[in-house]
Amino acid sequence: MHRTEFWETFRDCLTKLPQRIADVFMLREMEEMETSQICEALNISPNNLWVMLHRARMALRECLELSWFKEPQPEGHL
């Protein structure tokens, strides 16, 4: 149950990324494409790829921290 909920939350976070950054992340992490393949397919440099991957990971981390890992607070508490 928690696994399904996590992946739903993850997909929701992924949709919040700019499309190109989400594409790069998906190709690298989900499709397991090599750097050279991604760079050729998207016409980007390896440096640009690594910057985009870093941005994707940081944005996903922040989104997951807020959406998944944040412990619910009791009513009346911040």
N, C-alpha and C. Protein backbone atom coordinates (compact mmCIF):
# COMPACT_ATOMS: atom_id res chain seq x y z
N MET A 1 0.82 -1.19 0.00
CA MET A 1 0.00 0.00 0.00
C MET A 1 0.87 1.26 0.00
N HIS A 2 1.83 1.33 0.92
CA HIS A 2 2.69 2.51 0.99
C HIS A 2 3.53 2.66 -0.27
N ARG A 3 3.94 1.54 -0.84
CA ARG A 3 4.75 1.58 -2.06
C ARG A 3 3.95 2.22 -3.20
N THR A 4 2.71 1.81 -3.36
CA THR A 4 1.85 2.37 -4.39
C THR A 4 1.65 3.86 -4.16
N GLU A 5 1.39 4.25 -2.92
CA GLU A 5 1.20 5.65 -2.59
C GLU A 5 2.47 6.46 -2.86
N PHE A 6 3.62 5.87 -2.54
CA PHE A 6 4.88 6.57 -2.81
C PHE A 6 5.04 6.83 -4.29
N TRP A 7 4.82 5.82 -5.13
CA TRP A 7 5.01 6.00 -6.57
C TRP A 7 4.00 6.98 -7.15
N GLU A 8 2.80 7.04 -6.61
CA GLU A 8 1.83 8.04 -7.04
C GLU A 8 2.35 9.44 -6.70
N THR A 9 2.88 9.58 -5.50
CA THR A 9 3.45 10.86 -5.08
C THR A 9 4.65 11.22 -5.93
N PHE A 10 5.50 10.24 -6.22
CA PHE A 10 6.68 10.47 -7.05
C PHE A 10 6.26 10.95 -8.43
N ARG A 11 5.29 10.27 -9.05
CA ARG A 11 4.81 10.67 -10.38
C ARG A 11 4.24 12.09 -10.35
N ASP A 12 3.53 12.41 -9.28
CA ASP A 12 2.99 13.75 -9.15
C ASP A 12 4.12 14.77 -9.09
N CYS A 13 5.16 14.47 -8.33
CA CYS A 13 6.32 15.37 -8.24
C CYS A 13 7.01 15.49 -9.60
N LEU A 14 7.11 14.41 -10.32
CA LEU A 14 7.75 14.41 -11.64
C LEU A 14 6.99 15.31 -12.61
N THR A 15 5.67 15.34 -12.52
CA THR A 15 4.88 16.18 -13.43
C THR A 15 5.06 17.66 -13.13
N LYS A 16 5.58 17.99 -11.96
CA LYS A 16 5.79 19.39 -11.60
C LYS A 16 7.10 19.93 -12.16
N LEU A 17 7.97 19.06 -12.65
CA LEU A 17 9.23 19.49 -13.25
C LEU A 17 8.98 20.08 -14.63
N PRO A 18 9.86 21.00 -15.07
CA PRO A 18 9.79 21.41 -16.47
C PRO A 18 9.94 20.17 -17.37
N GLN A 19 9.22 20.15 -18.47
CA GLN A 19 9.14 18.95 -19.31
C GLN A 19 10.51 18.42 -19.73
N ARG A 20 11.39 19.29 -20.17
CA ARG A 20 12.71 18.84 -20.65
C ARG A 20 13.51 18.20 -19.52
N ILE A 21 13.44 18.76 -18.34
CA ILE A 21 14.17 18.20 -17.20
C ILE A 21 13.55 16.86 -16.80
N ALA A 22 12.24 16.77 -16.83
CA ALA A 22 11.58 15.49 -16.54
C ALA A 22 11.97 14.45 -17.57
N ASP A 23 12.04 14.83 -18.84
CA ASP A 23 12.43 13.89 -19.90
C ASP A 23 13.84 13.35 -19.66
N VAL A 24 14.76 14.24 -19.34
CA VAL A 24 16.15 13.83 -19.08
C VAL A 24 16.19 12.85 -17.92
N PHE A 25 15.49 13.17 -16.84
CA PHE A 25 15.48 12.30 -15.67
C PHE A 25 14.91 10.93 -16.02
N MET A 26 13.79 10.92 -16.71
CA MET A 26 13.15 9.65 -17.08
C MET A 26 14.06 8.80 -17.97
N LEU A 27 14.68 9.43 -18.95
CA LEU A 27 15.56 8.68 -19.85
C LEU A 27 16.74 8.07 -19.10
N ARG A 28 17.31 8.84 -18.19
CA ARG A 28 18.49 8.38 -17.47
C ARG A 28 18.14 7.36 -16.38
N GLU A 29 17.18 7.70 -15.55
CA GLU A 29 16.91 6.89 -14.37
C GLU A 29 15.89 5.77 -14.59
N MET A 30 14.92 5.99 -15.44
CA MET A 30 13.88 4.97 -15.65
C MET A 30 14.18 4.10 -16.87
N GLU A 31 14.60 4.75 -17.95
CA GLU A 31 14.91 4.01 -19.19
C GLU A 31 16.35 3.51 -19.21
N GLU A 32 17.15 4.00 -18.28
CA GLU A 32 18.56 3.61 -18.12
C GLU A 32 19.39 3.81 -19.40
N MET A 33 19.10 4.90 -20.09
CA MET A 33 19.87 5.25 -21.28
C MET A 33 21.24 5.78 -20.87
N GLU A 34 22.21 5.57 -21.73
CA GLU A 34 23.56 6.07 -21.50
C GLU A 34 23.61 7.58 -21.78
N THR A 35 24.58 8.23 -21.16
CA THR A 35 24.76 9.67 -21.34
C THR A 35 24.83 10.05 -22.81
N SER A 36 25.65 9.36 -23.56
CA SER A 36 25.82 9.70 -24.98
C SER A 36 24.51 9.55 -25.76
N GLN A 37 23.72 8.55 -25.43
CA GLN A 37 22.44 8.35 -26.11
C GLN A 37 21.48 9.50 -25.82
N ILE A 38 21.42 9.90 -24.57
CA ILE A 38 20.52 10.99 -24.18
C ILE A 38 20.96 12.29 -24.84
N CYS A 39 22.24 12.56 -24.80
CA CYS A 39 22.77 13.79 -25.40
C CYS A 39 22.47 13.84 -26.89
N GLU A 40 22.64 12.73 -27.56
CA GLU A 40 22.37 12.68 -28.99
C GLU A 40 20.87 12.84 -29.27
N ALA A 41 20.05 12.15 -28.50
CA ALA A 41 18.60 12.19 -28.73
C ALA A 41 18.03 13.58 -28.47
N LEU A 42 18.56 14.28 -27.47
CA LEU A 42 18.01 15.58 -27.10
C LEU A 42 18.86 16.76 -27.59
N ASN A 43 19.96 16.44 -28.27
CA ASN A 43 20.86 17.46 -28.81
C ASN A 43 21.35 18.40 -27.70
N ILE A 44 21.89 17.80 -26.64
CA ILE A 44 22.45 18.57 -25.53
C ILE A 44 23.86 18.07 -25.24
N SER A 45 24.62 18.89 -24.54
CA SER A 45 25.99 18.50 -24.17
C SER A 45 25.93 17.65 -22.90
N PRO A 46 26.98 16.87 -22.67
CA PRO A 46 27.05 16.11 -21.41
C PRO A 46 26.97 17.01 -20.18
N ASN A 47 27.63 18.17 -20.22
CA ASN A 47 27.56 19.09 -19.08
C ASN A 47 26.12 19.55 -18.84
N ASN A 48 25.42 19.87 -19.90
CA ASN A 48 24.03 20.29 -19.77
C ASN A 48 23.18 19.16 -19.20
N LEU A 49 23.45 17.95 -19.64
CA LEU A 49 22.72 16.79 -19.12
C LEU A 49 22.90 16.67 -17.61
N TRP A 50 24.14 16.78 -17.13
CA TRP A 50 24.40 16.62 -15.70
C TRP A 50 23.76 17.73 -14.88
N VAL A 51 23.75 18.96 -15.44
CA VAL A 51 23.08 20.08 -14.75
C VAL A 51 21.58 19.80 -14.65
N MET A 52 21.00 19.34 -15.74
CA MET A 52 19.57 19.06 -15.75
C MET A 52 19.22 17.92 -14.80
N LEU A 53 20.06 16.90 -14.75
CA LEU A 53 19.82 15.79 -13.82
C LEU A 53 19.92 16.27 -12.37
N HIS A 54 20.89 17.11 -12.09
CA HIS A 54 21.04 17.66 -10.74
C HIS A 54 19.80 18.46 -10.35
N ARG A 55 19.33 19.29 -11.26
CA ARG A 55 18.13 20.09 -10.98
C ARG A 55 16.92 19.20 -10.76
N ALA A 56 16.80 18.16 -11.57
CA ALA A 56 15.68 17.22 -11.42
C ALA A 56 15.73 16.55 -10.06
N ARG A 57 16.89 16.06 -9.68
CA ARG A 57 17.03 15.36 -8.40
C ARG A 57 16.74 16.28 -7.22
N MET A 58 17.23 17.51 -7.28
CA MET A 58 17.00 18.44 -6.19
C MET A 58 15.51 18.81 -6.09
N ALA A 59 14.87 19.03 -7.22
CA ALA A 59 13.44 19.38 -7.22
C ALA A 59 12.60 18.20 -6.74
N LEU A 60 12.94 16.99 -7.18
CA LEU A 60 12.21 15.80 -6.73
C LEU A 60 12.41 15.58 -5.24
N ARG A 61 13.63 15.78 -4.78
CA ARG A 61 13.91 15.63 -3.35
C ARG A 61 13.06 16.58 -2.53
N GLU A 62 13.02 17.84 -2.95
CA GLU A 62 12.23 18.84 -2.22
C GLU A 62 10.75 18.49 -2.23
N CYS A 63 10.24 18.11 -3.40
CA CYS A 63 8.83 17.76 -3.52
C CYS A 63 8.49 16.55 -2.65
N LEU A 64 9.34 15.53 -2.68
CA LEU A 64 9.08 14.34 -1.87
C LEU A 64 9.17 14.64 -0.37
N GLU A 65 10.10 15.50 0.00
CA GLU A 65 10.20 15.87 1.41
C GLU A 65 8.92 16.54 1.88
N LEU A 66 8.34 17.38 1.03
CA LEU A 66 7.11 18.09 1.40
C LEU A 66 5.88 17.19 1.30
N SER A 67 5.86 16.31 0.29
CA SER A 67 4.66 15.53 0.01
C SER A 67 4.64 14.15 0.64
N TRP A 68 5.79 13.57 0.87
CA TRP A 68 5.82 12.18 1.33
C TRP A 68 6.44 12.03 2.70
N PHE A 69 7.59 12.63 2.93
CA PHE A 69 8.33 12.40 4.15
C PHE A 69 7.92 13.32 5.29
N LYS A 70 7.17 14.35 4.99
CA LYS A 70 6.74 15.27 6.03
C LYS A 70 5.74 14.57 6.95
N GLU A 71 6.04 14.58 8.23
CA GLU A 71 5.14 13.94 9.20
C GLU A 71 3.92 14.83 9.41
N PRO A 72 2.74 14.24 9.43
CA PRO A 72 1.56 15.05 9.69
C PRO A 72 1.61 15.66 11.09
N GLN A 73 1.20 16.90 11.18
CA GLN A 73 1.17 17.59 12.47
C GLN A 73 -0.20 17.44 13.09
N PRO A 74 -0.25 17.31 14.41
CA PRO A 74 -1.55 17.27 15.09
C PRO A 74 -2.29 18.58 14.84
N GLU A 75 -3.60 18.52 14.89
CA GLU A 75 -4.41 19.73 14.68
C GLU A 75 -3.99 20.82 15.64
N GLY A 76 -3.93 22.05 15.12
CA GLY A 76 -3.57 23.19 15.96
C GLY A 76 -2.09 23.40 16.10
N HIS A 77 -1.24 22.53 15.53
CA HIS A 77 0.22 22.69 15.61
C HIS A 77 0.77 22.95 14.23
N LEU A 78 1.80 23.78 14.17
CA LEU A 78 2.47 24.06 12.89
C LEU A 78 3.72 23.27 12.76
